[in-house]
Amino acid sequence: MNRNYYMGNVGSMNEANFCPDCPTQTIYDPPIIQYENYYHPQLVKVIQNIETVKQHHCCPVYQHYYTHTEKNVMVSSVKSGKQVKASSKKRSKK
């Protein structure tokens, strides 16, 4: 709206000097909700069951057992010629 429109409503008076008697109005906006949070300790009991499972395993543990036998063997003091030749052949190959 332009300024001349308002001037025409008040007649010949100057707009700066005109002060109409307008009644005060009151309007209400919807309320603004403001929250303040307060925290208080509350004891909560938590029960946790613990189950122990005992697992049994077989694992080998070696125990050595030794047997002992004895035998008597006759050994002559005379060496046979075949054994001597065999040993001399081995020495010559080296």
Protein backbone atom coordinates (compact mmCIF):
# COMPACT_ATOMS: atom_id res chain seq x y z
CA MET A 1 0.00 0.00 0.00
CA ASN A 2 1.24 3.41 -0.77
CA ARG A 3 1.61 6.36 1.54
CA ASN A 4 -1.07 8.51 -0.11
CA TYR A 5 -3.71 5.98 0.77
CA TYR A 6 -3.14 6.56 4.49
CA MET A 7 -3.12 10.27 4.05
CA GLY A 8 -6.56 10.11 2.44
CA ASN A 9 -8.06 8.34 5.47
CA VAL A 10 -7.09 11.04 7.94
CA GLY A 11 -8.36 13.94 5.89
CA SER A 12 -6.35 17.10 5.61
CA MET A 13 -4.20 16.55 8.72
CA ASN A 14 -0.46 15.98 8.42
CA GLU A 15 0.46 12.32 8.80
CA ALA A 16 3.29 13.08 11.24
CA ASN A 17 0.92 14.85 13.68
CA PHE A 18 -1.90 12.33 13.49
CA CYS A 19 -2.09 9.82 16.35
CA PRO A 20 -5.24 7.75 16.32
CA ASP A 21 -6.65 6.31 19.51
CA CYS A 22 -6.22 2.62 18.75
CA PRO A 23 -7.21 0.24 21.48
CA THR A 24 -4.55 -2.14 22.71
CA GLN A 25 -5.06 -5.68 21.61
CA THR A 26 -3.72 -8.81 23.25
CA ILE A 27 -3.04 -11.98 21.35
CA TYR A 28 -1.65 -15.24 22.66
CA ASP A 29 0.83 -17.36 20.79
CA PRO A 30 0.92 -21.06 21.50
CA PRO A 31 3.06 -21.71 24.55
CA ILE A 32 6.71 -22.51 24.19
CA ILE A 33 7.51 -25.51 26.31
CA GLN A 34 10.86 -25.42 27.98
CA TYR A 35 12.15 -28.47 29.78
CA GLU A 36 14.62 -28.60 32.63
CA ASN A 37 15.93 -32.09 33.23
CA TYR A 38 16.95 -33.21 36.68
CA TYR A 39 18.51 -36.61 37.17
CA HIS A 40 18.34 -38.63 40.34
CA PRO A 41 20.18 -41.89 41.00
CA GLN A 42 18.03 -44.98 40.88
CA LEU A 43 19.47 -48.29 42.04
CA VAL A 44 18.95 -50.99 39.44
CA LYS A 45 20.08 -54.46 40.43
CA VAL A 46 21.47 -56.43 37.51
CA ILE A 47 21.92 -60.12 38.19
CA GLN A 48 24.33 -61.89 35.84
CA ASN A 49 24.70 -65.62 36.15
CA ILE A 50 28.18 -67.01 35.44
CA GLU A 51 28.36 -70.65 34.44
CA THR A 52 31.70 -72.42 34.62
CA VAL A 53 32.09 -75.33 32.24
CA LYS A 54 34.95 -77.61 33.22
CA GLN A 55 36.18 -79.30 30.09
CA HIS A 56 38.28 -82.43 30.46
CA HIS A 57 40.64 -83.49 27.70
CA CYS A 58 42.84 -86.53 27.27
CA CYS A 59 46.36 -85.69 26.25
CA PRO A 60 49.18 -88.23 25.88
CA VAL A 61 51.94 -88.31 28.47
CA TYR A 62 54.58 -90.79 27.44
CA GLN A 63 56.22 -93.01 30.02
CA HIS A 64 59.10 -95.05 28.70
CA TYR A 65 59.61 -98.55 30.01
CA TYR A 66 62.73 -100.46 29.10
CA THR A 67 63.25 -104.17 29.13
CA HIS A 68 66.63 -105.75 29.53
CA THR A 69 67.78 -109.10 28.33
CA GLU A 70 71.11 -110.87 28.66
CA LYS A 71 72.68 -113.54 26.54
CA ASN A 72 76.00 -115.31 26.56
CA VAL A 73 78.00 -115.53 23.35
CA MET A 74 81.24 -117.46 22.88
CA VAL A 75 83.94 -115.41 21.20
CA SER A 76 87.14 -117.12 20.18
CA SER A 77 90.44 -115.33 20.41
CA VAL A 78 91.48 -116.62 16.96
CA LYS A 79 90.22 -114.43 14.12
CA SER A 80 89.26 -116.12 10.92
CA GLY A 81 91.00 -115.16 7.66
CA LYS A 82 87.79 -114.05 6.02
CA GLN A 83 87.19 -111.31 8.54
CA VAL A 84 90.74 -109.99 8.14
CA LYS A 85 90.50 -109.85 4.37
CA ALA A 86 87.21 -108.05 4.49
CA SER A 87 88.62 -105.39 6.76
CA SER A 88 91.71 -104.91 4.59
CA LYS A 89 89.53 -104.45 1.51
CA LYS A 90 87.60 -101.72 3.24
CA ARG A 91 90.80 -99.88 4.10
CA SER A 92 92.10 -100.00 0.54
CA LYS A 93 88.89 -98.49 -0.89
CA LYS A 94 89.24 -95.41 1.22
